[in-house]
Amino acid sequence: SSFVPAYSWSETVSVTVTEEACNSLTNEKNGNVYLLFDTSKDYKGAKEYCESLGGHLATITSAEEQEIITDLCKSGNNENYWLGGTDEASEGVWKWITGEKWSYTNWNPKQPDNSEGKENYLHYINATNDWNDTNSSIQMGFICEIEQKTIASSVKKGIKYNGHKYILLDQSLPWTEAKKYCEAVGGHLVTINSADENSIISSLISDGTKSRYWLGATSENDNKW
């Protein structure tokens, strides 16, 4: 079943997205968002960057999630992408950095091999759509996962006006994923149809921590707003 986010109007929620992500997808079952980055980083740098967004390096715990990552990586330009798995603590005992159960795997044939005794970190191979182990110093792209509960917890403020409810989320997301999230909770990205409504939105974002916020308008289809 699809995810059903829930929160009260007293909650504080914030969402953060980066313009560096070259593509994104939402898991329609649980609402988690995956961000693909072609910027090359070592494992530690990629891990820390995902955490700075309120997320973590992506974990793949099912065939369905593997399919999402495969679709996401089709738009990428890198050969390899970091994932959130490691056997650093105990050789051969692989774990997800989130603590999720390690049950589903999709290793490349003859992997993992711990070549030269230095390969303790998991990455995705774009050409073959499977996994390999490598050492942490290798530079490659990476995939971040932002969980739905993190997005839901990012509601900064809510205002009721003229029969409508407006909520401010500080979690950064690409426009498409922000749109999907709003629709999943029964709403839409905000539209501003009057000076009064613009004043309400201005008041709402005055308590936000971001310099920019998405609105529900686009010229994508016919170059007309």
C-alpha atoms as a PDB file:
ATOM      1  CA  SER A   1       0.000   0.000   0.000  1.00  0.00           C
ATOM      2  CA  SER A   2       1.053   3.599  -0.517  1.00  0.00           C
ATOM      3  CA  PHE A   3       2.463   5.617   2.368  1.00  0.00           C
ATOM      4  CA  VAL A   4       0.116   7.932   4.275  1.00  0.00           C
ATOM      5  CA  PRO A   5       2.069  10.719   6.016  1.00  0.00           C
ATOM      6  CA  ALA A   6       0.533  12.078   9.207  1.00  0.00           C
ATOM      7  CA  TYR A   7       1.373  15.025  11.407  1.00  0.00           C
ATOM      8  CA  SER A   8      -0.310  17.505  13.699  1.00  0.00           C
ATOM      9  CA  TRP A   9      -0.273  21.241  13.176  1.00  0.00           C
ATOM     10  CA  SER A  10       1.898  21.672  16.258  1.00  0.00           C
ATOM     11  CA  GLU A  11       4.761  19.662  14.777  1.00  0.00           C
ATOM     12  CA  THR A  12       7.945  21.203  13.442  1.00  0.00           C
ATOM     13  CA  VAL A  13       9.073  19.732  10.107  1.00  0.00           C
ATOM     14  CA  SER A  14      11.866  20.662   7.692  1.00  0.00           C
ATOM     15  CA  VAL A  15      13.055  19.241   4.381  1.00  0.00           C
ATOM     16  CA  THR A  16      16.321  20.030   2.564  1.00  0.00           C
ATOM     17  CA  VAL A  17      17.137  19.413  -1.127  1.00  0.00           C
ATOM     18  CA  THR A  18      20.152  20.195  -3.187  1.00  0.00           C
ATOM     19  CA  GLU A  19      20.390  21.590  -6.692  1.00  0.00           C
ATOM     20  CA  GLU A  20      23.370  19.312  -7.340  1.00  0.00           C
ATOM     21  CA  ALA A  21      21.213  16.176  -7.595  1.00  0.00           C
ATOM     22  CA  CYS A  22      21.009  15.155 -11.242  1.00  0.00           C
ATOM     23  CA  ASN A  23      17.855  13.100 -10.753  1.00  0.00           C
ATOM     24  CA  SER A  24      15.453  11.890  -8.081  1.00  0.00           C
ATOM     25  CA  LEU A  25      12.739   9.315  -7.506  1.00  0.00           C
ATOM     26  CA  THR A  26      10.195   8.643  -4.781  1.00  0.00           C
ATOM     27  CA  ASN A  27       9.400   5.179  -3.441  1.00  0.00           C
ATOM     28  CA  GLU A  28       5.610   5.173  -3.800  1.00  0.00           C
ATOM     29  CA  LYS A  29       5.244   2.515  -1.086  1.00  0.00           C
ATOM     30  CA  ASN A  30       6.999   4.255   1.771  1.00  0.00           C
ATOM     31  CA  GLY A  31       7.524   7.831   0.564  1.00  0.00           C
ATOM     32  CA  ASN A  32      11.325   7.735   0.766  1.00  0.00           C
ATOM     33  CA  VAL A  33      13.132   9.967  -1.738  1.00  0.00           C
ATOM     34  CA  TYR A  34      16.322   8.947  -3.571  1.00  0.00           C
ATOM     35  CA  LEU A  35      18.737  11.558  -4.936  1.00  0.00           C
ATOM     36  CA  LEU A  36      21.380  10.716  -7.538  1.00  0.00           C
ATOM     37  CA  PHE A  37      24.626  12.700  -7.516  1.00  0.00           C
ATOM     38  CA  ASP A  38      27.242  12.582 -10.269  1.00  0.00           C
ATOM     39  CA  THR A  39      29.623  14.659  -8.147  1.00  0.00           C
ATOM     40  CA  SER A  40      32.538  12.370  -7.265  1.00  0.00           C
ATOM     41  CA  LYS A  41      33.360  11.820  -3.604  1.00  0.00           C
ATOM     42  CA  ASP A  42      35.062   9.149  -1.527  1.00  0.00           C
ATOM     43  CA  TYR A  43      32.886   7.022   0.758  1.00  0.00           C
ATOM     44  CA  LYS A  44      33.259   9.237   3.813  1.00  0.00           C
ATOM     45  CA  GLY A  45      32.546  12.417   1.847  1.00  0.00           C
ATOM     46  CA  ALA A  46      29.462  10.903   0.228  1.00  0.00           C
ATOM     47  CA  LYS A  47      28.177   9.581   3.562  1.00  0.00           C
ATOM     48  CA  GLU A  48      28.628  12.938   5.282  1.00  0.00           C
ATOM     49  CA  TYR A  49      26.995  14.823   2.413  1.00  0.00           C
ATOM     50  CA  CYS A  50      23.885  12.640   2.537  1.00  0.00           C
ATOM     51  CA  GLU A  51      23.705  13.122   6.283  1.00  0.00           C
ATOM     52  CA  SER A  52      23.942  16.897   5.824  1.00  0.00           C
ATOM     53  CA  LEU A  53      20.727  16.668   3.778  1.00  0.00           C
ATOM     54  CA  GLY A  54      18.952  14.838   6.573  1.00  0.00           C
ATOM     55  CA  GLY A  55      19.358  11.478   4.858  1.00  0.00           C
ATOM     56  CA  HIS A  56      21.880   8.667   4.427  1.00  0.00           C
ATOM     57  CA  LEU A  57      23.599   6.736   1.653  1.00  0.00           C
ATOM     58  CA  ALA A  58      20.910   4.645  -0.015  1.00  0.00           C
ATOM     59  CA  THR A  59      20.168   1.163   1.257  1.00  0.00           C
ATOM     60  CA  ILE A  60      18.629  -1.567  -0.918  1.00  0.00           C
ATOM     61  CA  THR A  61      16.640  -4.056   1.116  1.00  0.00           C
ATOM     62  CA  SER A  62      14.365  -5.540  -1.554  1.00  0.00           C
ATOM     63  CA  ALA A  63      14.085  -6.287  -5.260  1.00  0.00           C
ATOM     64  CA  GLU A  64      11.586  -3.430  -5.545  1.00  0.00           C
ATOM     65  CA  GLU A  65      14.060  -0.978  -4.080  1.00  0.00           C
ATOM     66  CA  GLN A  66      16.773  -2.332  -6.374  1.00  0.00           C
ATOM     67  CA  GLU A  67      14.488  -1.570  -9.323  1.00  0.00           C
ATOM     68  CA  ILE A  68      14.061   2.027  -8.139  1.00  0.00           C
ATOM     69  CA  ILE A  69      17.833   2.486  -7.898  1.00  0.00           C
ATOM     70  CA  THR A  70      18.306   0.910 -11.331  1.00  0.00           C
ATOM     71  CA  ASP A  71      15.790   3.317 -12.877  1.00  0.00           C
ATOM     72  CA  LEU A  72      17.403   6.250 -11.080  1.00  0.00           C
ATOM     73  CA  CYS A  73      20.918   5.406 -12.255  1.00  0.00           C
ATOM     74  CA  LYS A  74      19.863   5.237 -15.902  1.00  0.00           C
ATOM     75  CA  SER A  75      20.051   9.035 -15.919  1.00  0.00           C
ATOM     76  CA  GLY A  76      23.492   9.112 -14.312  1.00  0.00           C
ATOM     77  CA  ASN A  77      26.807   9.711 -16.062  1.00  0.00           C
ATOM     78  CA  ASN A  78      29.022   7.790 -13.641  1.00  0.00           C
ATOM     79  CA  GLU A  79      30.037   4.153 -13.833  1.00  0.00           C
ATOM     80  CA  ASN A  80      29.732   3.646 -10.075  1.00  0.00           C
ATOM     81  CA  TYR A  81      27.711   5.051  -7.149  1.00  0.00           C
ATOM     82  CA  TRP A  82      28.220   4.667  -3.411  1.00  0.00           C
ATOM     83  CA  LEU A  83      25.567   2.833  -1.389  1.00  0.00           C
ATOM     84  CA  GLY A  84      25.174   2.608   2.391  1.00  0.00           C
ATOM     85  CA  GLY A  85      26.626  -0.833   3.072  1.00  0.00           C
ATOM     86  CA  THR A  86      29.862  -1.941   4.761  1.00  0.00           C
ATOM     87  CA  ASP A  87      31.610  -4.931   6.352  1.00  0.00           C
ATOM     88  CA  GLU A  88      34.255  -2.774   7.984  1.00  0.00           C
ATOM     89  CA  ALA A  89      33.417  -3.976  11.504  1.00  0.00           C
ATOM     90  CA  SER A  90      33.720  -7.673  10.622  1.00  0.00           C
ATOM     91  CA  GLU A  91      35.028  -8.966   7.285  1.00  0.00           C
ATOM     92  CA  GLY A  92      32.311 -10.719   5.325  1.00  0.00           C
ATOM     93  CA  VAL A  93      29.505  -9.600   7.637  1.00  0.00           C
ATOM     94  CA  TRP A  94      27.794  -6.909   5.593  1.00  0.00           C
ATOM     95  CA  LYS A  95      25.508  -4.385   7.250  1.00  0.00           C
ATOM     96  CA  TRP A  96      23.435  -1.403   6.198  1.00  0.00           C
ATOM     97  CA  ILE A  97      24.483   1.840   7.877  1.00  0.00           C
ATOM     98  CA  THR A  98      20.859   2.355   8.931  1.00  0.00           C
ATOM     99  CA  GLY A  99      20.756  -0.886  10.910  1.00  0.00           C
ATOM    100  CA  GLU A 100      18.164  -2.385   8.559  1.00  0.00           C
ATOM    101  CA  LYS A 101      18.214  -6.161   8.137  1.00  0.00           C
ATOM    102  CA  TRP A 102      20.750  -7.395   5.562  1.00  0.00           C
ATOM    103  CA  SER A 103      18.773 -10.008   3.650  1.00  0.00           C
ATOM    104  CA  TYR A 104      18.416  -8.969   0.002  1.00  0.00           C
ATOM    105  CA  THR A 105      21.635  -8.866  -2.066  1.00  0.00           C
ATOM    106  CA  ASN A 106      22.489  -8.253  -5.715  1.00  0.00           C
ATOM    107  CA  TRP A 107      26.229  -8.842  -5.987  1.00  0.00           C
ATOM    108  CA  ASN A 108      28.108  -8.851  -9.270  1.00  0.00           C
ATOM    109  CA  PRO A 109      29.371 -12.394 -10.050  1.00  0.00           C
ATOM    110  CA  LYS A 110      32.423 -13.360  -7.922  1.00  0.00           C
ATOM    111  CA  GLN A 111      31.806 -10.405  -5.609  1.00  0.00           C
ATOM    112  CA  PRO A 112      32.436  -9.402  -2.913  1.00  0.00           C
ATOM    113  CA  ASP A 113      36.092 -10.454  -3.077  1.00  0.00           C
ATOM    114  CA  ASN A 114      37.802  -8.013  -0.669  1.00  0.00           C
ATOM    115  CA  SER A 115      40.647  -7.507  -3.135  1.00  0.00           C
ATOM    116  CA  GLU A 116      43.975  -6.886  -1.370  1.00  0.00           C
ATOM    117  CA  GLY A 117      42.092  -7.003   1.934  1.00  0.00           C
ATOM    118  CA  LYS A 118      40.967  -3.388   1.566  1.00  0.00           C
ATOM    119  CA  GLU A 119      37.452  -3.539   0.123  1.00  0.00           C
ATOM    120  CA  ASN A 120      34.900  -2.922   2.849  1.00  0.00           C
ATOM    121  CA  TYR A 121      32.380  -0.580   1.229  1.00  0.00           C
ATOM    122  CA  LEU A 122      29.467  -1.137  -1.113  1.00  0.00           C
ATOM    123  CA  HIS A 123      28.851   0.528  -4.467  1.00  0.00           C
ATOM    124  CA  TYR A 124      26.447   0.172  -7.370  1.00  0.00           C
ATOM    125  CA  ILE A 125      27.751  -0.696 -10.858  1.00  0.00           C
ATOM    126  CA  ASN A 126      25.753   1.236 -13.440  1.00  0.00           C
ATOM    127  CA  ALA A 127      26.646  -0.932 -16.443  1.00  0.00           C
ATOM    128  CA  THR A 128      25.518  -4.220 -14.876  1.00  0.00           C
ATOM    129  CA  ASN A 129      22.944  -2.962 -12.337  1.00  0.00           C
ATOM    130  CA  ASP A 130      24.503  -4.882  -9.467  1.00  0.00           C
ATOM    131  CA  TRP A 131      26.911  -4.454  -6.537  1.00  0.00           C
ATOM    132  CA  ASN A 132      30.616  -4.590  -5.806  1.00  0.00           C
ATOM    133  CA  ASP A 133      32.872  -4.002  -2.807  1.00  0.00           C
ATOM    134  CA  THR A 134      35.708  -1.489  -2.996  1.00  0.00           C
ATOM    135  CA  ASN A 135      37.942   0.615  -0.750  1.00  0.00           C
ATOM    136  CA  SER A 136      36.716   3.845   0.777  1.00  0.00           C
ATOM    137  CA  SER A 137      39.161   6.164  -0.992  1.00  0.00           C
ATOM    138  CA  ILE A 138      37.759   5.610  -4.495  1.00  0.00           C
ATOM    139  CA  GLN A 139      36.041   8.671  -5.965  1.00  0.00           C
ATOM    140  CA  MET A 140      32.593   8.044  -7.484  1.00  0.00           C
ATOM    141  CA  GLY A 141      29.025   9.305  -7.606  1.00  0.00           C
ATOM    142  CA  PHE A 142      26.599   8.480  -4.816  1.00  0.00           C
ATOM    143  CA  ILE A 143      22.924   8.002  -4.001  1.00  0.00           C
ATOM    144  CA  CYS A 144      21.268   9.600  -0.981  1.00  0.00           C
ATOM    145  CA  GLU A 145      18.031   8.400   0.566  1.00  0.00           C
ATOM    146  CA  ILE A 146      15.811  10.751   2.570  1.00  0.00           C
ATOM    147  CA  GLU A 147      13.213   8.875   4.578  1.00  0.00           C
ATOM    148  CA  GLN A 148       9.574   9.940   4.599  1.00  0.00           C
ATOM    149  CA  LYS A 149       9.601  10.343   8.375  1.00  0.00           C
ATOM    150  CA  THR A 150      12.406  12.910   8.032  1.00  0.00           C
ATOM    151  CA  ILE A 151      10.424  14.858   5.455  1.00  0.00           C
ATOM    152  CA  ALA A 152       7.291  14.738   7.603  1.00  0.00           C
ATOM    153  CA  SER A 153       9.234  15.941  10.627  1.00  0.00           C
ATOM    154  CA  SER A 154      10.400  19.004   8.686  1.00  0.00           C
ATOM    155  CA  VAL A 155       7.095  20.909   8.850  1.00  0.00           C
ATOM    156  CA  LYS A 156       8.164  24.297  10.106  1.00  0.00           C
ATOM    157  CA  LYS A 157       4.846  26.066  10.463  1.00  0.00           C
ATOM    158  CA  GLY A 158       1.187  25.841   9.467  1.00  0.00           C
ATOM    159  CA  ILE A 159      -1.355  28.592   8.758  1.00  0.00           C
ATOM    160  CA  LYS A 160      -5.092  28.372   8.084  1.00  0.00           C
ATOM    161  CA  TYR A 161      -6.530  31.066   5.812  1.00  0.00           C
ATOM    162  CA  ASN A 162      -9.780  31.414   3.878  1.00  0.00           C
ATOM    163  CA  GLY A 163     -10.658  27.736   4.228  1.00  0.00           C
ATOM    164  CA  HIS A 164      -7.206  26.534   3.171  1.00  0.00           C
ATOM    165  CA  LYS A 165      -4.283  25.119   5.135  1.00  0.00           C
ATOM    166  CA  TYR A 166      -0.708  26.080   4.255  1.00  0.00           C
ATOM    167  CA  ILE A 167       2.314  24.247   5.646  1.00  0.00           C
ATOM    168  CA  LEU A 168       5.973  25.164   5.360  1.00  0.00           C
ATOM    169  CA  LEU A 169       8.531  22.379   4.988  1.00  0.00           C
ATOM    170  CA  ASP A 170      12.218  23.157   5.312  1.00  0.00           C
ATOM    171  CA  GLN A 171      13.430  19.828   3.917  1.00  0.00           C
ATOM    172  CA  SER A 172      15.152  20.395   0.591  1.00  0.00           C
ATOM    173  CA  LEU A 173      13.713  18.321  -2.270  1.00  0.00           C
ATOM    174  CA  PRO A 174      13.638  18.563  -6.057  1.00  0.00           C
ATOM    175  CA  TRP A 175      10.446  20.181  -7.416  1.00  0.00           C
ATOM    176  CA  THR A 176       9.017  16.889  -8.691  1.00  0.00           C
ATOM    177  CA  GLU A 177       9.462  15.105  -5.360  1.00  0.00           C
ATOM    178  CA  ALA A 178       8.128  18.097  -3.405  1.00  0.00           C
ATOM    179  CA  LYS A 179       5.044  18.012  -5.641  1.00  0.00           C
ATOM    180  CA  LYS A 180       4.577  14.288  -5.032  1.00  0.00           C
ATOM    181  CA  TYR A 181       4.875  14.735  -1.277  1.00  0.00           C
ATOM    182  CA  CYS A 182       2.264  17.487  -1.161  1.00  0.00           C
ATOM    183  CA  GLU A 183      -0.111  15.361  -3.205  1.00  0.00           C
ATOM    184  CA  ALA A 184       0.512  12.343  -0.963  1.00  0.00           C
ATOM    185  CA  VAL A 185      -0.711  14.273   2.070  1.00  0.00           C
ATOM    186  CA  GLY A 186      -3.833  15.387   0.204  1.00  0.00           C
ATOM    187  CA  GLY A 187      -2.679  18.793  -1.013  1.00  0.00           C
ATOM    188  CA  HIS A 188      -0.518  20.418  -3.673  1.00  0.00           C
ATOM    189  CA  LEU A 189       2.383  22.821  -3.987  1.00  0.00           C
ATOM    190  CA  VAL A 190       1.042  26.221  -3.071  1.00  0.00           C
ATOM    191  CA  THR A 191      -0.525  28.523  -5.667  1.00  0.00           C
ATOM    192  CA  ILE A 192      -0.765  32.279  -5.087  1.00  0.00           C
ATOM    193  CA  ASN A 193      -3.798  33.918  -6.664  1.00  0.00           C
ATOM    194  CA  SER A 194      -4.068  37.232  -4.848  1.00  0.00           C
ATOM    195  CA  ALA A 195      -2.090  39.872  -2.985  1.00  0.00           C
ATOM    196  CA  ASP A 196      -3.685  38.680   0.265  1.00  0.00           C
ATOM    197  CA  GLU A 197      -2.549  35.120  -0.366  1.00  0.00           C
ATOM    198  CA  ASN A 198       0.934  36.371  -1.224  1.00  0.00           C
ATOM    199  CA  SER A 199       1.020  38.145   2.142  1.00  0.00           C
ATOM    200  CA  ILE A 200       0.044  34.920   3.892  1.00  0.00           C
ATOM    201  CA  ILE A 201       2.833  33.017   2.158  1.00  0.00           C
ATOM    202  CA  SER A 202       5.328  35.774   2.962  1.00  0.00           C
ATOM    203  CA  SER A 203       4.356  35.532   6.610  1.00  0.00           C
ATOM    204  CA  LEU A 204       4.663  31.756   6.523  1.00  0.00           C
ATOM    205  CA  ILE A 205       8.172  31.630   5.048  1.00  0.00           C
ATOM    206  CA  SER A 206       9.443  34.336   7.392  1.00  0.00           C
ATOM    207  CA  ASP A 207       9.917  31.536   9.939  1.00  0.00           C
ATOM    208  CA  GLY A 208      11.701  29.266   7.472  1.00  0.00           C
ATOM    209  CA  THR A 209      15.414  28.543   7.306  1.00  0.00           C
ATOM    210  CA  LYS A 210      15.727  28.362   3.504  1.00  0.00           C
ATOM    211  CA  SER A 211      16.244  31.222   1.067  1.00  0.00           C
ATOM    212  CA  ARG A 212      13.950  29.697  -1.577  1.00  0.00           C
ATOM    213  CA  TYR A 213      10.725  27.662  -1.538  1.00  0.00           C
ATOM    214  CA  TRP A 214       8.943  25.809  -4.335  1.00  0.00           C
ATOM    215  CA  LEU A 215       5.551  26.986  -5.638  1.00  0.00           C
ATOM    216  CA  GLY A 216       3.040  25.041  -7.711  1.00  0.00           C
ATOM    217  CA  ALA A 217       3.626  26.642 -11.112  1.00  0.00           C
ATOM    218  CA  THR A 218       5.548  25.487 -14.178  1.00  0.00           C
ATOM    219  CA  SER A 219       6.119  26.378 -17.825  1.00  0.00           C
ATOM    220  CA  GLU A 220       7.552  22.952 -18.628  1.00  0.00           C
ATOM    221  CA  ASN A 221       4.915  21.706 -21.076  1.00  0.00           C
ATOM    222  CA  ASP A 222       4.311  24.672 -23.388  1.00  0.00           C
ATOM    223  CA  ASN A 223       6.764  27.312 -22.150  1.00  0.00           C
ATOM    224  CA  LYS A 224       3.810  29.259 -20.750  1.00  0.00           C
ATOM    225  CA  TRP A 225       3.183  29.836 -17.042  1.00  0.00           C
END
